[in-house]
């Protein structure tokens, strides 16, 4: 399977999920994870929002490395592990990403424009797709 087909398969899987586990690293170098509403762009960037009062926000400002996990349905038994670098979105790009996120996760709309809620994008560095039932596994590096 070529890389474009693999990316398409990963994107298709991620699109079916509105939530994922986002893991960050605390200033004390301890792992912290949270279930988050998440959305995506066609280039496999991920998008989420969080209040600037959370542990996650503090962690992201201190260390931009994140890991994200999709998939925990034992009937389907497919998972995507995703590692990347997070960037806080700035005014020149926030509207595009905010709209993508609200469209996929309309429950986030009441928080979308609060000044305390910050938007982030994650640029992928490594992704592993694993269909456990079919024993199909591949990795993508960026």
Protein backbone atom coordinates (compact mmCIF):
# COMPACT_ATOMS: atom_id res chain seq x y z
CA UNK A 1 0.00 0.00 0.00
CA UNK A 2 1.47 3.37 -0.98
CA UNK A 3 1.84 6.29 1.41
CA UNK A 4 -1.06 8.29 -0.09
CA UNK A 5 -3.41 5.33 0.42
CA UNK A 6 -2.17 4.89 3.99
CA UNK A 7 -2.77 8.59 4.75
CA UNK A 8 -6.25 8.32 3.26
CA UNK A 9 -7.04 5.30 5.43
CA UNK A 10 -5.84 7.07 8.58
CA UNK A 11 -7.82 10.20 7.70
CA UNK A 12 -10.96 8.16 7.07
CA UNK A 13 -10.61 6.48 10.46
CA UNK A 14 -9.96 9.74 12.33
CA UNK A 15 -12.97 11.39 10.65
CA UNK A 16 -15.26 8.79 12.24
CA UNK A 17 -14.20 9.84 15.76
CA UNK A 18 -15.24 13.01 17.56
CA UNK A 19 -13.15 12.32 20.65
CA UNK A 20 -9.65 11.08 21.31
CA UNK A 21 -7.22 10.84 24.19
CA UNK A 22 -4.68 13.68 24.13
CA UNK A 23 -1.55 13.12 26.21
CA UNK A 24 0.76 15.91 27.29
CA UNK A 25 3.86 16.21 29.48
CA UNK A 26 3.77 18.20 32.70
CA UNK A 27 6.54 20.64 33.68
CA UNK A 28 7.63 17.87 36.09
CA UNK A 29 7.96 15.51 33.07
CA UNK A 30 4.97 13.42 34.12
CA UNK A 31 2.40 12.22 31.59
CA UNK A 32 -1.13 13.62 31.71
CA UNK A 33 -3.99 12.54 29.45
CA UNK A 34 -7.50 13.83 28.76
CA UNK A 35 -10.41 12.84 26.58
CA UNK A 36 -10.94 15.70 24.14
CA UNK A 37 -13.27 16.70 21.35
CA UNK A 38 -11.04 16.62 18.29
CA UNK A 39 -11.28 17.44 14.62
CA UNK A 40 -8.99 17.17 11.64
CA UNK A 41 -7.90 18.73 8.37
CA UNK A 42 -7.27 16.84 5.14
CA UNK A 43 -3.51 17.08 5.73
CA UNK A 44 -3.90 15.08 9.00
CA UNK A 45 -3.49 18.09 11.27
CA UNK A 46 -5.62 17.72 14.39
CA UNK A 47 -7.55 20.54 16.08
CA UNK A 48 -8.82 20.97 19.64
CA UNK A 49 -9.66 23.69 22.11
CA UNK A 50 -9.04 23.99 25.82
CA UNK A 51 -9.47 26.66 28.48
CA UNK A 52 -6.27 28.47 29.42
CA UNK A 53 -6.82 27.41 33.06
CA UNK A 54 -6.30 23.67 32.48
CA UNK A 55 -3.27 21.50 33.23
CA UNK A 56 -3.24 20.65 29.55
CA UNK A 57 -2.84 24.29 28.55
CA UNK A 58 0.03 24.78 31.00
CA UNK A 59 1.66 21.59 29.74
CA UNK A 60 1.35 22.60 26.09
CA UNK A 61 2.89 26.00 26.74
CA UNK A 62 5.81 24.26 28.44
CA UNK A 63 6.29 21.30 26.06
CA UNK A 64 4.71 21.09 22.59
CA UNK A 65 5.08 17.31 22.25
CA UNK A 66 1.77 15.42 22.33
CA UNK A 67 0.44 11.94 21.72
CA UNK A 68 -3.13 11.23 20.63
CA UNK A 69 -4.97 7.90 20.58
CA UNK A 70 -8.07 7.08 18.54
CA UNK A 71 -10.12 3.90 18.71
CA UNK A 72 -11.32 1.72 21.53
CA UNK A 73 -14.21 -0.15 19.95
CA UNK A 74 -13.62 -3.85 20.57
CA UNK A 75 -15.95 -4.80 17.72
CA UNK A 76 -13.95 -2.85 15.15
CA UNK A 77 -10.60 -3.20 16.94
CA UNK A 78 -8.72 -0.55 14.99
CA UNK A 79 -6.52 2.04 16.64
CA UNK A 80 -4.48 5.03 15.52
CA UNK A 81 -1.57 6.26 17.58
CA UNK A 82 -0.51 9.78 16.64
CA UNK A 83 2.46 11.80 17.83
CA UNK A 84 3.07 15.40 16.92
CA UNK A 85 3.95 18.95 17.78
CA UNK A 86 1.23 21.32 18.98
CA UNK A 87 0.89 25.00 18.09
CA UNK A 88 -1.46 27.50 19.65
CA UNK A 89 -3.47 29.10 16.86
CA UNK A 90 -3.18 32.82 16.37
CA UNK A 91 -5.75 35.31 15.11
CA UNK A 92 -4.73 35.02 11.44
CA UNK A 93 -5.62 31.31 11.28
CA UNK A 94 -7.97 30.68 14.19
CA UNK A 95 -11.24 31.31 12.31
CA UNK A 96 -10.60 28.59 9.72
CA UNK A 97 -9.69 26.01 12.38
CA UNK A 98 -12.48 27.06 14.73
CA UNK A 99 -15.08 26.54 11.99
CA UNK A 100 -13.72 23.08 11.16
CA UNK A 101 -13.86 22.17 14.84
CA UNK A 102 -17.38 23.50 15.45
CA UNK A 103 -18.67 21.72 12.35
CA UNK A 104 -17.40 18.34 13.55
CA UNK A 105 -18.06 18.96 17.25
CA UNK A 106 -21.08 21.26 17.53
CA UNK A 107 -21.18 20.70 21.29
CA UNK A 108 -18.08 22.93 21.47
CA UNK A 109 -19.85 25.96 19.94
CA UNK A 110 -20.86 27.60 23.27
CA UNK A 111 -17.15 27.75 24.16
CA UNK A 112 -15.77 28.54 20.72
CA UNK A 113 -15.51 32.32 21.12
CA UNK A 114 -14.73 32.61 24.82
CA UNK A 115 -11.47 34.53 25.28
CA UNK A 116 -10.27 31.95 27.81
CA UNK A 117 -10.63 29.06 25.33
CA UNK A 118 -7.59 28.55 23.15
CA UNK A 119 -7.35 26.59 19.91
CA UNK A 120 -4.47 24.33 19.00
CA UNK A 121 -3.39 22.42 15.95
CA UNK A 122 -1.19 19.35 16.03
CA UNK A 123 1.22 18.72 13.18
CA UNK A 124 1.85 14.98 12.79
CA UNK A 125 5.35 13.56 13.19
CA UNK A 126 4.53 9.82 13.48
CA UNK A 127 1.33 7.82 13.06
CA UNK A 128 0.66 4.11 13.50
CA UNK A 129 -2.51 2.52 12.13
CA UNK A 130 -3.35 -0.95 13.41
CA UNK A 131 -6.31 -3.08 12.42
CA UNK A 132 -5.88 -5.82 14.98
CA UNK A 133 -8.51 -8.16 13.51
CA UNK A 134 -6.90 -8.08 10.06
CA UNK A 135 -3.35 -7.91 11.46
CA UNK A 136 -2.81 -4.85 9.26
CA UNK A 137 -0.31 -2.37 10.61
CA UNK A 138 1.66 0.48 9.11
CA UNK A 139 3.50 3.59 10.25
CA UNK A 140 3.80 7.03 8.69
CA UNK A 141 6.58 9.49 9.49
CA UNK A 142 6.52 13.15 8.54
